[in-house]
C-alpha atoms as a PDB file:
ATOM      1  CA  MET A   1     195.855 -89.571 -22.187  1.00  0.00           C
ATOM      2  CA  LEU A   2     193.063 -89.942 -24.710  1.00  0.00           C
ATOM      3  CA  ASP A   3     191.264 -86.676 -25.397  1.00  0.00           C
ATOM      4  CA  GLU A   4     187.621 -86.586 -26.290  1.00  0.00           C
ATOM      5  CA  LEU A   5     187.400 -86.821 -30.067  1.00  0.00           C
ATOM      6  CA  SER A   6     185.693 -83.418 -30.163  1.00  0.00           C
ATOM      7  CA  ALA A   7     188.711 -81.892 -28.364  1.00  0.00           C
ATOM      8  CA  VAL A   8     191.108 -83.326 -30.956  1.00  0.00           C
ATOM      9  CA  ARG A   9     188.983 -81.997 -33.798  1.00  0.00           C
ATOM     10  CA  TYR A  10     188.790 -78.550 -32.229  1.00  0.00           C
ATOM     11  CA  ALA A  11     192.528 -78.380 -31.516  1.00  0.00           C
ATOM     12  CA  ALA A  12     193.427 -79.589 -35.017  1.00  0.00           C
ATOM     13  CA  GLN A  13     191.148 -77.011 -36.610  1.00  0.00           C
ATOM     14  CA  ALA A  14     192.596 -74.243 -34.434  1.00  0.00           C
ATOM     15  CA  TYR A  15     196.094 -75.277 -35.513  1.00  0.00           C
ATOM     16  CA  ARG A  16     195.067 -75.328 -39.172  1.00  0.00           C
ATOM     17  CA  THR A  17     193.567 -71.847 -38.860  1.00  0.00           C
ATOM     18  CA  ALA A  18     196.736 -70.498 -37.239  1.00  0.00           C
ATOM     19  CA  ALA A  19     199.045 -72.238 -39.731  1.00  0.00           C
ATOM     20  CA  THR A  20     197.051 -70.945 -42.686  1.00  0.00           C
ATOM     21  CA  ALA A  21     197.101 -67.410 -41.287  1.00  0.00           C
ATOM     22  CA  ALA A  22     200.894 -67.752 -40.936  1.00  0.00           C
ATOM     23  CA  GLY A  23     201.159 -68.489 -44.664  1.00  0.00           C
ATOM     24  CA  VAL A  24     201.009 -72.278 -45.006  1.00  0.00           C
ATOM     25  CA  ALA A  25     199.347 -73.354 -48.263  1.00  0.00           C
ATOM     26  CA  TRP A  26     196.931 -75.911 -46.826  1.00  0.00           C
ATOM     27  CA  VAL A  27     195.496 -77.630 -49.886  1.00  0.00           C
ATOM     28  CA  ASP A  28     192.181 -79.413 -49.501  1.00  0.00           C
ATOM     29  CA  GLN A  29     192.497 -82.909 -50.888  1.00  0.00           C
ATOM     30  CA  ALA A  30     189.980 -85.695 -51.084  1.00  0.00           C
ATOM     31  CA  GLN A  31     189.244 -86.859 -47.553  1.00  0.00           C
ATOM     32  CA  ALA A  32     189.767 -90.518 -46.861  1.00  0.00           C
ATOM     33  CA  THR A  33     186.733 -92.608 -46.060  1.00  0.00           C
ATOM     34  CA  PRO A  34     186.580 -93.066 -42.272  1.00  0.00           C
ATOM     35  CA  GLY A  35     187.138 -96.614 -41.191  1.00  0.00           C
ATOM     36  CA  GLY A  36     189.356 -98.842 -39.147  1.00  0.00           C
ATOM     37  CA  PRO A  37     193.076 -99.231 -39.728  1.00  0.00           C
ATOM     38  CA  PRO A  38     194.447-102.008 -41.953  1.00  0.00           C
ATOM     39  CA  GLU A  39     194.919-105.410 -40.363  1.00  0.00           C
ATOM     40  CA  LEU A  40     198.694-104.984 -40.472  1.00  0.00           C
ATOM     41  CA  VAL A  41     198.468-102.274 -37.790  1.00  0.00           C
ATOM     42  CA  TYR A  42     197.183-104.723 -35.182  1.00  0.00           C
ATOM     43  CA  ARG A  43     199.903-107.288 -35.948  1.00  0.00           C
ATOM     44  CA  LEU A  44     202.697-104.779 -36.296  1.00  0.00           C
ATOM     45  CA  PHE A  45     202.037-102.954 -33.022  1.00  0.00           C
ATOM     46  CA  ASP A  46     200.707-105.966 -31.110  1.00  0.00           C
ATOM     47  CA  VAL A  47     197.419-104.292 -30.093  1.00  0.00           C
ATOM     48  CA  ALA A  48     193.783-105.368 -30.118  1.00  0.00           C
ATOM     49  CA  HIS A  49     192.256-101.945 -30.784  1.00  0.00           C
ATOM     50  CA  VAL A  50     193.171 -98.514 -32.152  1.00  0.00           C
ATOM     51  CA  ALA A  51     191.790 -95.304 -30.648  1.00  0.00           C
ATOM     52  CA  GLU A  52     189.140 -93.449 -32.642  1.00  0.00           C
ATOM     53  CA  GLN A  53     191.185 -90.241 -32.244  1.00  0.00           C
ATOM     54  CA  LEU A  54     193.986 -91.762 -34.320  1.00  0.00           C
ATOM     55  CA  VAL A  55     191.529 -93.233 -36.831  1.00  0.00           C
ATOM     56  CA  TRP A  56     189.977 -89.774 -37.264  1.00  0.00           C
ATOM     57  CA  LEU A  57     193.348 -88.108 -37.786  1.00  0.00           C
ATOM     58  CA  GLN A  58     194.331 -90.684 -40.396  1.00  0.00           C
ATOM     59  CA  SER A  59     191.112 -89.929 -42.274  1.00  0.00           C
ATOM     60  CA  GLN A  60     192.135 -86.297 -42.752  1.00  0.00           C
ATOM     61  CA  PRO A  61     193.515 -85.219 -46.158  1.00  0.00           C
ATOM     62  CA  TRP A  62     196.859 -84.106 -44.743  1.00  0.00           C
ATOM     63  CA  HIS A  63     199.143 -86.796 -46.130  1.00  0.00           C
ATOM     64  CA  GLY A  64     201.860 -85.724 -48.532  1.00  0.00           C
ATOM     65  CA  GLN A  65     201.836 -82.103 -47.318  1.00  0.00           C
ATOM     66  CA  THR A  66     204.431 -80.359 -45.122  1.00  0.00           C
ATOM     67  CA  LEU A  67     201.865 -78.744 -42.834  1.00  0.00           C
ATOM     68  CA  LEU A  68     203.554 -79.151 -39.463  1.00  0.00           C
ATOM     69  CA  PRO A  69     206.341 -77.196 -37.750  1.00  0.00           C
ATOM     70  CA  GLY A  70     209.753 -77.930 -39.195  1.00  0.00           C
ATOM     71  CA  GLY A  71     208.208 -78.980 -42.499  1.00  0.00           C
ATOM     72  CA  GLY A  72     206.831 -82.107 -40.856  1.00  0.00           C
ATOM     73  CA  TRP A  73     204.128 -84.350 -42.216  1.00  0.00           C
ATOM     74  CA  LEU A  74     201.514 -86.853 -41.091  1.00  0.00           C
ATOM     75  CA  GLU A  75     202.684 -90.437 -41.500  1.00  0.00           C
ATOM     76  CA  PRO A  76     200.061 -92.726 -43.125  1.00  0.00           C
ATOM     77  CA  TRP A  77     198.978 -96.087 -41.827  1.00  0.00           C
ATOM     78  CA  PRO A  78     202.091 -98.287 -42.113  1.00  0.00           C
ATOM     79  CA  THR A  79     202.434-100.638 -45.054  1.00  0.00           C
ATOM     80  CA  ASP A  80     206.092-101.669 -44.707  1.00  0.00           C
ATOM     81  CA  VAL A  81     207.064-103.701 -41.644  1.00  0.00           C
ATOM     82  CA  GLY A  82     210.811-103.067 -41.801  1.00  0.00           C
ATOM     83  CA  THR A  83     210.625 -99.299 -42.265  1.00  0.00           C
ATOM     84  CA  THR A  84     208.087 -98.873 -39.485  1.00  0.00           C
ATOM     85  CA  LEU A  85     210.070-100.945 -36.998  1.00  0.00           C
ATOM     86  CA  ASP A  86     213.227 -99.031 -37.870  1.00  0.00           C
ATOM     87  CA  TYR A  87     211.452 -95.810 -36.855  1.00  0.00           C
ATOM     88  CA  LEU A  88     211.055 -97.237 -33.339  1.00  0.00           C
ATOM     89  CA  ALA A  89     214.610 -98.488 -32.946  1.00  0.00           C
ATOM     90  CA  PHE A  90     215.630 -95.502 -30.788  1.00  0.00           C
ATOM     91  CA  SER A  91     212.777 -95.781 -28.265  1.00  0.00           C
ATOM     92  CA  ILE A  92     215.170 -96.614 -25.437  1.00  0.00           C
ATOM     93  CA  GLY A  93     213.797 -96.992 -21.902  1.00  0.00           C
ATOM     94  CA  THR A  94     210.168 -96.107 -22.583  1.00  0.00           C
ATOM     95  CA  PRO A  95     207.660 -96.898 -19.793  1.00  0.00           C
ATOM     96  CA  PHE A  96     205.577 -98.937 -22.239  1.00  0.00           C
ATOM     97  CA  SER A  97     206.287-101.633 -24.797  1.00  0.00           C
ATOM     98  CA  TRP A  98     208.348-100.282 -27.671  1.00  0.00           C
ATOM     99  CA  ARG A  99     205.823-101.826 -30.090  1.00  0.00           C
ATOM    100  CA  HIS A 100     202.797-100.095 -28.557  1.00  0.00           C
ATOM    101  CA  GLN A 101     203.299 -96.878 -30.504  1.00  0.00           C
ATOM    102  CA  MET A 102     202.756 -95.824 -34.077  1.00  0.00           C
ATOM    103  CA  PRO A 103     204.972 -93.350 -35.959  1.00  0.00           C
ATOM    104  CA  LEU A 104     202.682 -90.361 -36.470  1.00  0.00           C
ATOM    105  CA  PHE A 105     204.537 -87.160 -37.356  1.00  0.00           C
ATOM    106  CA  ALA A 106     207.905 -87.142 -39.152  1.00  0.00           C
ATOM    107  CA  PHE A 107     210.289 -84.180 -38.905  1.00  0.00           C
ATOM    108  CA  GLY A 108     213.463 -85.229 -40.671  1.00  0.00           C
ATOM    109  CA  ARG A 109     215.626 -86.737 -37.933  1.00  0.00           C
ATOM    110  CA  ILE A 110     212.914 -86.498 -35.262  1.00  0.00           C
ATOM    111  CA  MET A 111     209.869 -88.775 -35.070  1.00  0.00           C
ATOM    112  CA  PHE A 112     206.721 -88.282 -32.982  1.00  0.00           C
ATOM    113  CA  THR A 113     204.656 -91.367 -32.138  1.00  0.00           C
ATOM    114  CA  PHE A 114     201.162 -92.063 -30.772  1.00  0.00           C
ATOM    115  CA  VAL A 115     201.005 -94.517 -27.841  1.00  0.00           C
ATOM    116  CA  LEU A 116     198.422 -97.174 -28.698  1.00  0.00           C
ATOM    117  CA  ALA A 117     197.855 -99.117 -25.485  1.00  0.00           C
ATOM    118  CA  GLY A 118     198.101 -99.161 -21.699  1.00  0.00           C
ATOM    119  CA  ASP A 119     197.658 -96.378 -19.181  1.00  0.00           C
ATOM    120  CA  ARG A 120     199.663 -94.030 -21.445  1.00  0.00           C
ATOM    121  CA  GLU A 121     197.414 -94.515 -24.468  1.00  0.00           C
ATOM    122  CA  GLY A 122     197.095 -91.286 -26.405  1.00  0.00           C
ATOM    123  CA  GLU A 123     200.390 -89.781 -25.265  1.00  0.00           C
ATOM    124  CA  ILE A 124     202.734 -88.401 -27.922  1.00  0.00           C
ATOM    125  CA  TRP A 125     206.398 -89.402 -27.648  1.00  0.00           C
ATOM    126  CA  ARG A 126     209.438 -88.207 -29.569  1.00  0.00           C
ATOM    127  CA  TYR A 127     212.765 -89.709 -30.647  1.00  0.00           C
ATOM    128  CA  GLY A 128     215.769 -88.216 -32.364  1.00  0.00           C
ATOM    129  CA  TYR A 129     217.971 -90.474 -34.455  1.00  0.00           C
ATOM    130  CA  ASN A 130     220.989 -89.685 -32.295  1.00  0.00           C
ATOM    131  CA  PRO A 131     222.998 -92.620 -30.867  1.00  0.00           C
ATOM    132  CA  ASP A 132     224.589 -90.338 -28.253  1.00  0.00           C
ATOM    133  CA  ALA A 133     221.618 -88.509 -26.732  1.00  0.00           C
ATOM    134  CA  TRP A 134     219.227 -91.424 -25.972  1.00  0.00           C
ATOM    135  CA  ASP A 135     216.442 -88.869 -25.983  1.00  0.00           C
ATOM    136  CA  ALA A 136     213.181 -90.828 -25.855  1.00  0.00           C
ATOM    137  CA  VAL A 137     210.791 -88.495 -24.050  1.00  0.00           C
ATOM    138  CA  ARG A 138     207.128 -87.520 -23.984  1.00  0.00           C
ATOM    139  CA  ALA A 139     206.374 -84.636 -26.335  1.00  0.00           C
ATOM    140  CA  ALA A 140     202.819 -84.098 -25.048  1.00  0.00           C
ATOM    141  CA  PRO A 141     200.336 -85.854 -22.753  1.00  0.00           C
ATOM    142  CA  SER A 142     197.775 -85.955 -25.577  1.00  0.00           C
ATOM    143  CA  LEU A 143     197.193 -85.144 -29.216  1.00  0.00           C
ATOM    144  CA  ALA A 144     194.994 -82.119 -28.514  1.00  0.00           C
ATOM    145  CA  THR A 145     197.637 -80.727 -26.157  1.00  0.00           C
ATOM    146  CA  LEU A 146     200.266 -81.044 -28.882  1.00  0.00           C
ATOM    147  CA  PHE A 147     198.150 -79.128 -31.402  1.00  0.00           C
ATOM    148  CA  ASP A 148     197.429 -76.494 -28.740  1.00  0.00           C
ATOM    149  CA  GLN A 149     201.154 -76.042 -28.114  1.00  0.00           C
ATOM    150  CA  TRP A 150     201.864 -75.561 -31.801  1.00  0.00           C
ATOM    151  CA  THR A 151     199.009 -73.073 -32.114  1.00  0.00           C
ATOM    152  CA  LYS A 152     200.387 -71.086 -29.170  1.00  0.00           C
ATOM    153  CA  GLY A 153     203.850 -71.250 -30.731  1.00  0.00           C
ATOM    154  CA  ILE A 154     202.524 -69.574 -33.867  1.00  0.00           C
ATOM    155  CA  ALA A 155     200.658 -66.944 -31.825  1.00  0.00           C
ATOM    156  CA  ASP A 156     203.815 -66.194 -29.816  1.00  0.00           C
ATOM    157  CA  GLY A 157     205.963 -65.830 -32.927  1.00  0.00           C
ATOM    158  CA  LEU A 158     208.128 -68.860 -32.144  1.00  0.00           C
ATOM    159  CA  ILE A 159     206.804 -70.757 -35.157  1.00  0.00           C
ATOM    160  CA  THR A 160     207.047 -68.705 -38.329  1.00  0.00           C
ATOM    161  CA  LEU A 161     206.944 -69.263 -42.063  1.00  0.00           C
ATOM    162  CA  ASP A 162     210.210 -70.143 -43.768  1.00  0.00           C
ATOM    163  CA  GLY A 163     210.122 -67.891 -46.794  1.00  0.00           C
ATOM    164  CA  THR A 164     212.269 -70.227 -48.889  1.00  0.00           C
ATOM    165  CA  ASN A 165     210.613 -73.563 -48.250  1.00  0.00           C
ATOM    166  CA  ARG A 166     207.150 -72.115 -47.485  1.00  0.00           C
ATOM    167  CA  TRP A 167     206.716 -74.271 -44.424  1.00  0.00           C
ATOM    168  CA  LEU A 168     206.593 -73.457 -40.733  1.00  0.00           C
ATOM    169  CA  GLN A 169     209.855 -73.379 -38.818  1.00  0.00           C
ATOM    170  CA  ALA A 170     210.077 -73.582 -35.013  1.00  0.00           C
ATOM    171  CA  ASP A 171     212.580 -71.431 -33.141  1.00  0.00           C
ATOM    172  CA  ASP A 172     215.578 -72.977 -31.389  1.00  0.00           C
ATOM    173  CA  PHE A 173     215.271 -74.933 -28.155  1.00  0.00           C
ATOM    174  CA  GLN A 174     216.585 -72.122 -25.951  1.00  0.00           C
ATOM    175  CA  ALA A 175     213.958 -69.695 -27.221  1.00  0.00           C
ATOM    176  CA  LEU A 176     211.278 -72.258 -26.403  1.00  0.00           C
ATOM    177  CA  VAL A 177     212.728 -72.862 -22.927  1.00  0.00           C
ATOM    178  CA  ASP A 178     212.575 -69.119 -22.300  1.00  0.00           C
ATOM    179  CA  ARG A 179     208.785 -69.241 -22.806  1.00  0.00           C
ATOM    180  CA  SER A 180     208.301 -72.075 -20.316  1.00  0.00           C
ATOM    181  CA  PRO A 181     205.895 -72.948 -18.713  1.00  0.00           C
ATOM    182  CA  GLU A 182     203.556 -71.378 -21.271  1.00  0.00           C
ATOM    183  CA  LEU A 183     205.223 -73.441 -23.967  1.00  0.00           C
ATOM    184  CA  ASP A 184     206.727 -76.897 -23.522  1.00  0.00           C
ATOM    185  CA  PRO A 185     209.968 -77.022 -25.540  1.00  0.00           C
ATOM    186  CA  PHE A 186     209.687 -80.798 -25.964  1.00  0.00           C
ATOM    187  CA  ALA A 187     206.410 -80.378 -27.850  1.00  0.00           C
ATOM    188  CA  PHE A 188     208.278 -78.765 -30.730  1.00  0.00           C
ATOM    189  CA  PRO A 189     210.313 -80.755 -33.280  1.00  0.00           C
ATOM    190  CA  VAL A 190     213.660 -79.136 -32.560  1.00  0.00           C
ATOM    191  CA  SER A 191     216.828 -80.868 -31.422  1.00  0.00           C
ATOM    192  CA  VAL A 192     217.804 -80.724 -27.761  1.00  0.00           C
ATOM    193  CA  PRO A 193     221.319 -79.247 -27.593  1.00  0.00           C
ATOM    194  CA  TYR A 194     223.949 -80.775 -25.340  1.00  0.00           C
ATOM    195  CA  ASP A 195     223.770 -77.973 -22.754  1.00  0.00           C
ATOM    196  CA  HIS A 196     220.084 -78.789 -22.229  1.00  0.00           C
ATOM    197  CA  TRP A 197     220.554 -82.521 -21.664  1.00  0.00           C
ATOM    198  CA  PRO A 198     220.099 -82.037 -17.877  1.00  0.00           C
ATOM    199  CA  LEU A 199     216.614 -80.708 -18.660  1.00  0.00           C
ATOM    200  CA  LEU A 200     216.038 -83.658 -20.982  1.00  0.00           C
ATOM    201  CA  ARG A 201     217.079 -86.128 -18.276  1.00  0.00           C
ATOM    202  CA  GLU A 202     214.809 -84.403 -15.745  1.00  0.00           C
ATOM    203  CA  ARG A 203     211.856 -84.647 -18.138  1.00  0.00           C
ATOM    204  CA  GLN A 204     212.648 -88.296 -18.845  1.00  0.00           C
ATOM    205  CA  ARG A 205     212.536 -89.072 -15.124  1.00  0.00           C
ATOM    206  CA  GLU A 206     209.177 -87.280 -14.869  1.00  0.00           C
ATOM    207  CA  CYS A 207     207.861 -89.329 -17.798  1.00  0.00           C
ATOM    208  CA  GLY A 208     208.940 -92.653 -16.304  1.00  0.00           C
ATOM    209  CA  VAL A 209     211.821 -93.387 -18.685  1.00  0.00           C
ATOM    210  CA  ASP A 210     214.147 -96.107 -17.386  1.00  0.00           C
ATOM    211  CA  MET A 211     217.215 -94.041 -16.524  1.00  0.00           C
ATOM    212  CA  ASP A 212     219.315 -97.163 -15.921  1.00  0.00           C
ATOM    213  CA  CYS A 213     218.650 -98.119 -19.524  1.00  0.00           C
ATOM    214  CA  ILE A 214     219.574 -94.599 -20.660  1.00  0.00           C
ATOM    215  CA  ALA A 215     222.839 -94.860 -18.707  1.00  0.00           C
ATOM    216  CA  GLN A 216     223.565 -98.131 -20.525  1.00  0.00           C
ATOM    217  CA  GLY A 217     222.523 -96.579 -23.824  1.00  0.00           C
ATOM    218  CA  PRO A 218     224.671 -98.538 -26.299  1.00  0.00           C
ATOM    219  CA  ASP A 219     223.965-101.872 -24.618  1.00  0.00           C
ATOM    220  CA  CYS A 220     220.230-101.233 -24.345  1.00  0.00           C
ATOM    221  CA  HIS A 221     220.167-100.087 -27.936  1.00  0.00           C
ATOM    222  CA  GLU A 222     221.874-103.253 -29.145  1.00  0.00           C
ATOM    223  CA  GLU A 223     219.334-105.317 -27.220  1.00  0.00           C
ATOM    224  CA  LEU A 224     216.449-103.373 -28.751  1.00  0.00           C
ATOM    225  CA  LEU A 225     217.913-103.726 -32.238  1.00  0.00           C
ATOM    226  CA  ASP A 226     218.062-107.488 -31.732  1.00  0.00           C
ATOM    227  CA  VAL A 227     214.407-107.511 -30.664  1.00  0.00           C
ATOM    228  CA  VAL A 228     213.472-105.316 -33.642  1.00  0.00           C
ATOM    229  CA  ASP A 229     215.229-107.728 -36.016  1.00  0.00           C
ATOM    230  CA  ALA A 230     213.498-110.732 -34.449  1.00  0.00           C
ATOM    231  CA  THR A 231     210.118-109.006 -34.663  1.00  0.00           C
ATOM    232  CA  ARG A 232     210.731-108.049 -38.283  1.00  0.00           C
ATOM    233  CA  GLU A 233     211.533-111.679 -39.119  1.00  0.00           C
ATOM    234  CA  SER A 234     208.476-113.001 -37.277  1.00  0.00           C
ATOM    235  CA  LEU A 235     206.240-110.571 -39.189  1.00  0.00           C
ATOM    236  CA  GLY A 236     207.802-111.405 -42.536  1.00  0.00           C
ATOM    237  CA  GLY A 237     209.220-107.929 -43.029  1.00  0.00           C
END
């Protein structure tokens, strides 16, 4: 779902206010000049347009700072074909083309993406680099909703400042589940432990993930890797 741009701005500012109050050193850097994405974005993700909400976010001076829960950061517009496609190589069974999403927020071994096209445009999806879990799932129905969840997580004390690294750290998955439905545990960049895989599978079904593909995980993954390699070659990456 695509939020109104004003809603994204408001939610992002509310998150920044909460994160700063929690102790994050949010350094103001030179803001990028607003404008469209580089031409590579259209070729790489096979889309004809890019939502203004994503363009606005990419114009913010957040790059290079660990401002997000789990010490995460905002990924810039892609410049390397191979690296970007590798980020998407675990998007098994998604109800949209694997290429119609851009890596947006990186959290170590978890990546959040922004869906660029179709009736799911604007949704935020997440993938862990885990060849056993096959955990492609929607993190939030929209960008504003994701920021709202993180802001609530700070207010509820489930996202706190790591005194050593000086970045925000989300609580474990069980603690987030215990606050459901106020908080959606999948909106937070924490790993889904094995004993919560039934909840993961239930959420995947709700999100339209192809469960047959999940059941055939290794085979589907090999097929996707072959497609990724072919796409990389066709794009000269």
